[in-house]
Amino acid sequence: MTLRILSIVSLIALVSCNSPNKLENNDEGWTPLFDGKTMSGWHTYGETEAGKAWEVKDGTIHLNINSEEGRGDLVTDKEYENFHLKVEWKISEGGNSGIIFNVHEDKTKYANTYNTGPEMQVLDNDKHADGKIHKHRTGDLYDLIPSTKETVKPVGEWNEAEIVSDNGKLEFFLNGEKVVSTTMYDDNWKNLIAGSKFVAWPDFGTYKKGKIALQDHGDEVWFRNVKIKEI
């Protein structure tokens, strides 16, 4: 009887450790940025809390474009410097959004998150006009570097994006494949900015730490399983 009980306990422990619903352990350094139930840890850029347009829906962060108030990019309460970010996203038909990082939140100086923070593009490549613009497609380092390959899934399906920023080395992954690799802050980085739309904003891409933003570009978008590992 005792041996049978011990076997059952061991089996339960094994199943629990390998549960597919279990977030990657904090023991491995991962911290969830979204609990699936509340907007805790997030606020609208320049505000003190998340606007009403950003809602928790079916375990996702959802941008309700029918809301007439509470619009604007959603940003983390905390700043991050060297990190590995993972987030799953799903875009609406013809939609546009983005994941912006190293955002310096000072609305008296910078009206928008993208005045300071580089962006990983989130887009319906086929039906949004930006899909026809080089360096504006899904997975691109927006207006700076195009993806080396396109691994995006069809509209309506979930994609997993990863951003790794480590002492100036920057890598983007989309659905498990590396699509962008560069070094920030060096002369080549400055030349990239000089040849982009961001040249008009002298502080763009200069901050080495900042907040992470989910972009309100006016189109419906969903995010889930948002987590970060500080390096």
C-alpha atoms as a PDB file:
ATOM      1  CA  MET A   1       0.000   0.000   0.000  1.00  0.00           C
ATOM      2  CA  THR A   2       2.798   2.392   0.934  1.00  0.00           C
ATOM      3  CA  LEU A   3       4.697   1.670  -2.287  1.00  0.00           C
ATOM      4  CA  ARG A   4       1.546   2.271  -4.327  1.00  0.00           C
ATOM      5  CA  ILE A   5       0.983   5.665  -2.665  1.00  0.00           C
ATOM      6  CA  LEU A   6       4.585   6.675  -3.266  1.00  0.00           C
ATOM      7  CA  SER A   7       4.286   5.691  -6.940  1.00  0.00           C
ATOM      8  CA  ILE A   8       1.135   7.793  -7.349  1.00  0.00           C
ATOM      9  CA  VAL A   9       2.777  10.806  -5.661  1.00  0.00           C
ATOM     10  CA  SER A  10       5.820  10.474  -7.918  1.00  0.00           C
ATOM     11  CA  LEU A  11       3.621  10.254 -11.009  1.00  0.00           C
ATOM     12  CA  ILE A  12       1.665  13.386 -10.010  1.00  0.00           C
ATOM     13  CA  ALA A  13       4.904  15.291  -9.425  1.00  0.00           C
ATOM     14  CA  LEU A  14       6.240  14.223 -12.834  1.00  0.00           C
ATOM     15  CA  VAL A  15       3.061  15.278 -14.652  1.00  0.00           C
ATOM     16  CA  SER A  16       3.057  18.611 -12.818  1.00  0.00           C
ATOM     17  CA  CYS A  17       6.638  19.378 -13.804  1.00  0.00           C
ATOM     18  CA  ASN A  18       5.910  18.646 -17.462  1.00  0.00           C
ATOM     19  CA  SER A  19       2.544  20.386 -17.666  1.00  0.00           C
ATOM     20  CA  PRO A  20       2.246  22.287 -20.980  1.00  0.00           C
ATOM     21  CA  ASN A  21       0.280  25.023 -19.214  1.00  0.00           C
ATOM     22  CA  LYS A  22       3.098  25.845 -16.847  1.00  0.00           C
ATOM     23  CA  LEU A  23       4.942  29.095 -17.645  1.00  0.00           C
ATOM     24  CA  GLU A  24       8.681  28.728 -18.013  1.00  0.00           C
ATOM     25  CA  ASN A  25       9.969  28.691 -14.476  1.00  0.00           C
ATOM     26  CA  ASN A  26      11.146  31.784 -12.681  1.00  0.00           C
ATOM     27  CA  ASP A  27      13.997  29.451 -11.650  1.00  0.00           C
ATOM     28  CA  GLU A  28      15.180  29.843 -15.239  1.00  0.00           C
ATOM     29  CA  GLY A  29      14.976  33.600 -14.929  1.00  0.00           C
ATOM     30  CA  TRP A  30      11.667  34.137 -16.735  1.00  0.00           C
ATOM     31  CA  THR A  31       9.178  36.628 -15.326  1.00  0.00           C
ATOM     32  CA  PRO A  32       5.620  36.897 -16.675  1.00  0.00           C
ATOM     33  CA  LEU A  33       4.648  40.423 -17.721  1.00  0.00           C
ATOM     34  CA  PHE A  34       0.964  39.526 -18.104  1.00  0.00           C
ATOM     35  CA  ASP A  35      -0.970  37.360 -15.646  1.00  0.00           C
ATOM     36  CA  GLY A  36      -3.776  36.599 -18.081  1.00  0.00           C
ATOM     37  CA  LYS A  37      -6.367  38.266 -15.844  1.00  0.00           C
ATOM     38  CA  THR A  38      -5.457  41.895 -15.184  1.00  0.00           C
ATOM     39  CA  MET A  39      -3.494  44.788 -16.660  1.00  0.00           C
ATOM     40  CA  SER A  40      -1.221  44.844 -13.620  1.00  0.00           C
ATOM     41  CA  GLY A  41       2.275  46.050 -14.542  1.00  0.00           C
ATOM     42  CA  TRP A  42       1.100  48.041 -17.564  1.00  0.00           C
ATOM     43  CA  HIS A  43      -0.189  51.539 -18.281  1.00  0.00           C
ATOM     44  CA  THR A  44      -0.934  53.704 -21.278  1.00  0.00           C
ATOM     45  CA  TYR A  45       2.045  55.797 -22.358  1.00  0.00           C
ATOM     46  CA  GLY A  46       2.096  59.053 -20.393  1.00  0.00           C
ATOM     47  CA  GLU A  47      -0.701  57.936 -18.057  1.00  0.00           C
ATOM     48  CA  THR A  48      -0.819  56.199 -14.683  1.00  0.00           C
ATOM     49  CA  GLU A  49      -2.906  53.171 -15.658  1.00  0.00           C
ATOM     50  CA  ALA A  50      -3.980  51.187 -18.680  1.00  0.00           C
ATOM     51  CA  GLY A  51      -6.600  52.929 -20.795  1.00  0.00           C
ATOM     52  CA  LYS A  52     -10.016  51.360 -21.266  1.00  0.00           C
ATOM     53  CA  ALA A  53      -9.283  50.441 -24.876  1.00  0.00           C
ATOM     54  CA  TRP A  54      -6.794  47.859 -23.614  1.00  0.00           C
ATOM     55  CA  GLU A  55      -8.793  45.001 -22.133  1.00  0.00           C
ATOM     56  CA  VAL A  56      -8.197  41.496 -20.905  1.00  0.00           C
ATOM     57  CA  LYS A  57     -10.166  39.178 -23.175  1.00  0.00           C
ATOM     58  CA  ASP A  58     -10.011  35.376 -23.047  1.00  0.00           C
ATOM     59  CA  GLY A  59      -6.591  35.445 -21.406  1.00  0.00           C
ATOM     60  CA  THR A  60      -5.144  37.953 -23.874  1.00  0.00           C
ATOM     61  CA  ILE A  61      -4.297  41.646 -23.943  1.00  0.00           C
ATOM     62  CA  HIS A  62      -6.738  42.932 -26.549  1.00  0.00           C
ATOM     63  CA  LEU A  63      -6.973  46.364 -28.167  1.00  0.00           C
ATOM     64  CA  ASN A  64     -10.643  47.260 -28.465  1.00  0.00           C
ATOM     65  CA  ILE A  65     -10.683  49.699 -31.374  1.00  0.00           C
ATOM     66  CA  ASN A  66     -14.352  50.510 -30.737  1.00  0.00           C
ATOM     67  CA  SER A  67     -13.448  52.222 -27.488  1.00  0.00           C
ATOM     68  CA  GLU A  68     -13.614  55.998 -27.769  1.00  0.00           C
ATOM     69  CA  GLU A  69     -11.357  56.538 -24.768  1.00  0.00           C
ATOM     70  CA  GLY A  70      -8.231  55.105 -23.225  1.00  0.00           C
ATOM     71  CA  ARG A  71      -6.346  54.816 -26.501  1.00  0.00           C
ATOM     72  CA  GLY A  72      -2.566  54.971 -26.887  1.00  0.00           C
ATOM     73  CA  ASP A  73       0.385  52.585 -26.698  1.00  0.00           C
ATOM     74  CA  LEU A  74       0.544  50.266 -23.704  1.00  0.00           C
ATOM     75  CA  VAL A  75       3.859  50.280 -21.811  1.00  0.00           C
ATOM     76  CA  THR A  76       5.381  48.338 -18.943  1.00  0.00           C
ATOM     77  CA  ASP A  77       5.645  50.019 -15.572  1.00  0.00           C
ATOM     78  CA  LYS A  78       9.245  48.835 -15.344  1.00  0.00           C
ATOM     79  CA  GLU A  79      12.274  49.668 -17.467  1.00  0.00           C
ATOM     80  CA  TYR A  80      14.527  46.949 -18.909  1.00  0.00           C
ATOM     81  CA  GLU A  81      18.074  47.078 -20.231  1.00  0.00           C
ATOM     82  CA  ASN A  82      19.541  43.717 -21.225  1.00  0.00           C
ATOM     83  CA  PHE A  83      16.735  41.227 -21.758  1.00  0.00           C
ATOM     84  CA  HIS A  84      15.155  38.379 -23.691  1.00  0.00           C
ATOM     85  CA  LEU A  85      11.479  39.117 -24.368  1.00  0.00           C
ATOM     86  CA  LYS A  86       8.932  36.597 -25.609  1.00  0.00           C
ATOM     87  CA  VAL A  87       5.396  37.491 -26.646  1.00  0.00           C
ATOM     88  CA  GLU A  88       2.745  35.861 -28.783  1.00  0.00           C
ATOM     89  CA  TRP A  89       0.645  38.092 -31.017  1.00  0.00           C
ATOM     90  CA  LYS A  90      -2.256  37.864 -33.439  1.00  0.00           C
ATOM     91  CA  ILE A  91      -3.212  40.681 -35.814  1.00  0.00           C
ATOM     92  CA  SER A  92      -6.565  41.482 -37.420  1.00  0.00           C
ATOM     93  CA  GLU A  93      -7.119  41.458 -41.172  1.00  0.00           C
ATOM     94  CA  GLY A  94      -5.390  44.481 -42.671  1.00  0.00           C
ATOM     95  CA  GLY A  95      -3.981  45.335 -39.242  1.00  0.00           C
ATOM     96  CA  ASN A  96      -0.829  47.071 -38.054  1.00  0.00           C
ATOM     97  CA  SER A  97       0.834  47.094 -34.618  1.00  0.00           C
ATOM     98  CA  GLY A  98       4.285  46.641 -33.159  1.00  0.00           C
ATOM     99  CA  ILE A  99       6.468  45.746 -30.194  1.00  0.00           C
ATOM    100  CA  ILE A 100       8.601  48.725 -29.185  1.00  0.00           C
ATOM    101  CA  PHE A 101      11.475  48.626 -26.694  1.00  0.00           C
ATOM    102  CA  ASN A 102      13.943  50.922 -24.909  1.00  0.00           C
ATOM    103  CA  VAL A 103      11.140  53.478 -24.665  1.00  0.00           C
ATOM    104  CA  HIS A 104      12.077  56.514 -22.606  1.00  0.00           C
ATOM    105  CA  GLU A 105       8.787  57.645 -21.094  1.00  0.00           C
ATOM    106  CA  ASP A 106       8.777  61.418 -20.848  1.00  0.00           C
ATOM    107  CA  LYS A 107       5.735  62.779 -22.649  1.00  0.00           C
ATOM    108  CA  THR A 108       6.861  66.369 -22.094  1.00  0.00           C
ATOM    109  CA  LYS A 109       9.766  65.632 -24.466  1.00  0.00           C
ATOM    110  CA  TYR A 110       8.511  62.689 -26.508  1.00  0.00           C
ATOM    111  CA  ALA A 111       4.888  62.566 -27.635  1.00  0.00           C
ATOM    112  CA  ASN A 112       5.090  58.933 -28.729  1.00  0.00           C
ATOM    113  CA  THR A 113       6.828  55.708 -27.759  1.00  0.00           C
ATOM    114  CA  TYR A 114       8.446  55.494 -31.193  1.00  0.00           C
ATOM    115  CA  ASN A 115      10.208  58.829 -30.732  1.00  0.00           C
ATOM    116  CA  THR A 116      12.789  56.919 -28.690  1.00  0.00           C
ATOM    117  CA  GLY A 117      12.170  53.182 -29.038  1.00  0.00           C
ATOM    118  CA  PRO A 118      12.970  50.866 -31.989  1.00  0.00           C
ATOM    119  CA  GLU A 119      10.181  48.554 -33.138  1.00  0.00           C
ATOM    120  CA  MET A 120       9.622  44.979 -34.232  1.00  0.00           C
ATOM    121  CA  GLN A 121       6.866  45.289 -36.817  1.00  0.00           C
ATOM    122  CA  VAL A 122       3.538  43.432 -36.411  1.00  0.00           C
ATOM    123  CA  LEU A 123       1.507  43.522 -39.627  1.00  0.00           C
ATOM    124  CA  ASP A 124      -0.853  41.850 -42.037  1.00  0.00           C
ATOM    125  CA  ASN A 125       1.670  41.882 -44.887  1.00  0.00           C
ATOM    126  CA  ASP A 126      -0.889  41.043 -47.537  1.00  0.00           C
ATOM    127  CA  LYS A 127      -3.620  43.578 -46.815  1.00  0.00           C
ATOM    128  CA  HIS A 128      -1.927  46.520 -45.105  1.00  0.00           C
ATOM    129  CA  ALA A 129      -0.237  49.168 -47.270  1.00  0.00           C
ATOM    130  CA  ASP A 130       2.996  48.887 -45.241  1.00  0.00           C
ATOM    131  CA  GLY A 131       3.358  45.341 -46.552  1.00  0.00           C
ATOM    132  CA  LYS A 132       4.500  46.871 -49.856  1.00  0.00           C
ATOM    133  CA  ILE A 133       7.216  48.964 -48.188  1.00  0.00           C
ATOM    134  CA  HIS A 134      10.741  47.592 -47.751  1.00  0.00           C
ATOM    135  CA  LYS A 135      11.662  47.333 -44.037  1.00  0.00           C
ATOM    136  CA  HIS A 136       8.014  47.778 -42.957  1.00  0.00           C
ATOM    137  CA  ARG A 137       6.905  44.126 -43.042  1.00  0.00           C
ATOM    138  CA  THR A 138       6.267  41.754 -40.153  1.00  0.00           C
ATOM    139  CA  GLY A 139       9.398  40.904 -38.178  1.00  0.00           C
ATOM    140  CA  ASP A 140      11.406  43.803 -39.602  1.00  0.00           C
ATOM    141  CA  LEU A 141      13.306  46.196 -37.380  1.00  0.00           C
ATOM    142  CA  TYR A 142      10.910  48.848 -38.550  1.00  0.00           C
ATOM    143  CA  ASP A 143      12.340  51.207 -41.189  1.00  0.00           C
ATOM    144  CA  LEU A 144      15.882  50.116 -40.330  1.00  0.00           C
ATOM    145  CA  ILE A 145      16.543  46.457 -41.214  1.00  0.00           C
ATOM    146  CA  PRO A 146      14.351  43.974 -43.134  1.00  0.00           C
ATOM    147  CA  SER A 147      13.876  40.384 -42.009  1.00  0.00           C
ATOM    148  CA  THR A 148      16.250  37.886 -43.580  1.00  0.00           C
ATOM    149  CA  LYS A 149      13.303  35.536 -44.116  1.00  0.00           C
ATOM    150  CA  GLU A 150       9.542  35.608 -43.660  1.00  0.00           C
ATOM    151  CA  THR A 151       8.230  33.157 -41.090  1.00  0.00           C
ATOM    152  CA  VAL A 152       4.958  34.913 -40.229  1.00  0.00           C
ATOM    153  CA  LYS A 153       1.785  32.834 -40.014  1.00  0.00           C
ATOM    154  CA  PRO A 154      -1.490  33.694 -41.764  1.00  0.00           C
ATOM    155  CA  VAL A 155      -3.714  36.399 -40.281  1.00  0.00           C
ATOM    156  CA  GLY A 156      -5.779  35.030 -37.400  1.00  0.00           C
ATOM    157  CA  GLU A 157      -3.038  32.652 -36.234  1.00  0.00           C
ATOM    158  CA  TRP A 158      -0.706  33.211 -33.293  1.00  0.00           C
ATOM    159  CA  ASN A 159       2.930  34.163 -33.847  1.00  0.00           C
ATOM    160  CA  GLU A 160       5.726  34.029 -31.272  1.00  0.00           C
ATOM    161  CA  ALA A 161       8.072  37.004 -31.336  1.00  0.00           C
ATOM    162  CA  GLU A 162      11.347  37.225 -29.441  1.00  0.00           C
ATOM    163  CA  ILE A 163      13.566  40.252 -28.920  1.00  0.00           C
ATOM    164  CA  VAL A 164      17.019  39.740 -27.436  1.00  0.00           C
ATOM    165  CA  SER A 165      18.920  42.883 -26.439  1.00  0.00           C
ATOM    166  CA  ASP A 166      22.267  42.249 -24.772  1.00  0.00           C
ATOM    167  CA  ASN A 167      24.819  45.040 -24.356  1.00  0.00           C
ATOM    168  CA  GLY A 168      24.068  46.469 -27.782  1.00  0.00           C
ATOM    169  CA  LYS A 169      23.668  43.171 -29.607  1.00  0.00           C
ATOM    170  CA  LEU A 170      20.124  42.960 -30.958  1.00  0.00           C
ATOM    171  CA  GLU A 171      18.361  39.894 -32.362  1.00  0.00           C
ATOM    172  CA  PHE A 172      14.781  39.321 -33.493  1.00  0.00           C
ATOM    173  CA  PHE A 173      13.186  35.884 -33.768  1.00  0.00           C
ATOM    174  CA  LEU A 174       9.810  35.103 -35.290  1.00  0.00           C
ATOM    175  CA  ASN A 175       8.274  31.673 -34.795  1.00  0.00           C
ATOM    176  CA  GLY A 176      11.599  30.222 -33.715  1.00  0.00           C
ATOM    177  CA  GLU A 177      13.777  31.576 -36.532  1.00  0.00           C
ATOM    178  CA  LYS A 178      16.231  34.463 -36.353  1.00  0.00           C
ATOM    179  CA  VAL A 179      15.126  37.203 -38.736  1.00  0.00           C
ATOM    180  CA  VAL A 180      17.173  40.261 -37.677  1.00  0.00           C
ATOM    181  CA  SER A 181      20.632  40.644 -36.157  1.00  0.00           C
ATOM    182  CA  THR A 182      22.521  43.895 -35.621  1.00  0.00           C
ATOM    183  CA  THR A 183      24.517  45.964 -33.155  1.00  0.00           C
ATOM    184  CA  MET A 184      23.035  49.100 -31.663  1.00  0.00           C
ATOM    185  CA  TYR A 185      24.776  52.371 -30.793  1.00  0.00           C
ATOM    186  CA  ASP A 186      27.823  51.962 -33.057  1.00  0.00           C
ATOM    187  CA  ASP A 187      28.556  53.936 -36.244  1.00  0.00           C
ATOM    188  CA  ASN A 188      26.599  51.516 -38.419  1.00  0.00           C
ATOM    189  CA  TRP A 189      23.566  51.948 -36.144  1.00  0.00           C
ATOM    190  CA  LYS A 190      23.848  55.710 -36.423  1.00  0.00           C
ATOM    191  CA  ASN A 191      24.062  55.411 -40.210  1.00  0.00           C
ATOM    192  CA  LEU A 192      20.940  53.239 -40.274  1.00  0.00           C
ATOM    193  CA  ILE A 193      19.038  55.876 -38.327  1.00  0.00           C
ATOM    194  CA  ALA A 194      20.423  58.663 -40.526  1.00  0.00           C
ATOM    195  CA  GLY A 195      18.956  56.892 -43.563  1.00  0.00           C
ATOM    196  CA  SER A 196      15.553  56.327 -41.996  1.00  0.00           C
ATOM    197  CA  LYS A 197      12.424  58.300 -41.077  1.00  0.00           C
ATOM    198  CA  PHE A 198      13.792  58.493 -37.532  1.00  0.00           C
ATOM    199  CA  VAL A 199      16.541  60.935 -38.470  1.00  0.00           C
ATOM    200  CA  ALA A 200      14.154  63.750 -37.470  1.00  0.00           C
ATOM    201  CA  TRP A 201      14.199  62.528 -33.857  1.00  0.00           C
ATOM    202  CA  PRO A 202      17.723  62.965 -32.429  1.00  0.00           C
ATOM    203  CA  ASP A 203      17.137  60.744 -29.392  1.00  0.00           C
ATOM    204  CA  PHE A 204      15.690  57.798 -31.300  1.00  0.00           C
ATOM    205  CA  GLY A 205      17.593  54.580 -30.657  1.00  0.00           C
ATOM    206  CA  THR A 206      19.994  56.193 -28.198  1.00  0.00           C
ATOM    207  CA  TYR A 207      18.586  54.945 -24.895  1.00  0.00           C
ATOM    208  CA  LYS A 208      20.151  51.738 -23.610  1.00  0.00           C
ATOM    209  CA  LYS A 209      17.250  50.891 -21.340  1.00  0.00           C
ATOM    210  CA  GLY A 210      13.586  51.695 -21.245  1.00  0.00           C
ATOM    211  CA  LYS A 211      10.048  50.390 -21.241  1.00  0.00           C
ATOM    212  CA  ILE A 212       8.465  47.857 -23.550  1.00  0.00           C
ATOM    213  CA  ALA A 213       5.432  49.008 -25.504  1.00  0.00           C
ATOM    214  CA  LEU A 214       2.588  47.307 -27.354  1.00  0.00           C
ATOM    215  CA  GLN A 215       1.486  49.627 -30.098  1.00  0.00           C
ATOM    216  CA  ASP A 216      -1.973  51.059 -30.648  1.00  0.00           C
ATOM    217  CA  HIS A 217      -1.888  51.689 -34.400  1.00  0.00           C
ATOM    218  CA  GLY A 218      -5.670  51.871 -34.651  1.00  0.00           C
ATOM    219  CA  ASP A 219      -6.175  48.203 -35.569  1.00  0.00           C
ATOM    220  CA  GLU A 220      -7.389  45.271 -33.530  1.00  0.00           C
ATOM    221  CA  VAL A 221      -4.556  43.170 -32.094  1.00  0.00           C
ATOM    222  CA  TRP A 222      -4.086  40.546 -29.386  1.00  0.00           C
ATOM    223  CA  PHE A 223      -1.077  39.638 -27.206  1.00  0.00           C
ATOM    224  CA  ARG A 224      -0.552  36.757 -24.768  1.00  0.00           C
ATOM    225  CA  ASN A 225       2.158  34.781 -22.953  1.00  0.00           C
ATOM    226  CA  VAL A 226       4.261  37.898 -22.456  1.00  0.00           C
ATOM    227  CA  LYS A 227       7.390  37.124 -20.446  1.00  0.00           C
ATOM    228  CA  ILE A 228      10.906  38.424 -19.998  1.00  0.00           C
ATOM    229  CA  LYS A 229      14.282  37.210 -18.825  1.00  0.00           C
ATOM    230  CA  GLU A 230      16.719  39.879 -17.710  1.00  0.00           C
ATOM    231  CA  ILE A 231      20.245  39.162 -18.877  1.00  0.00           C
END
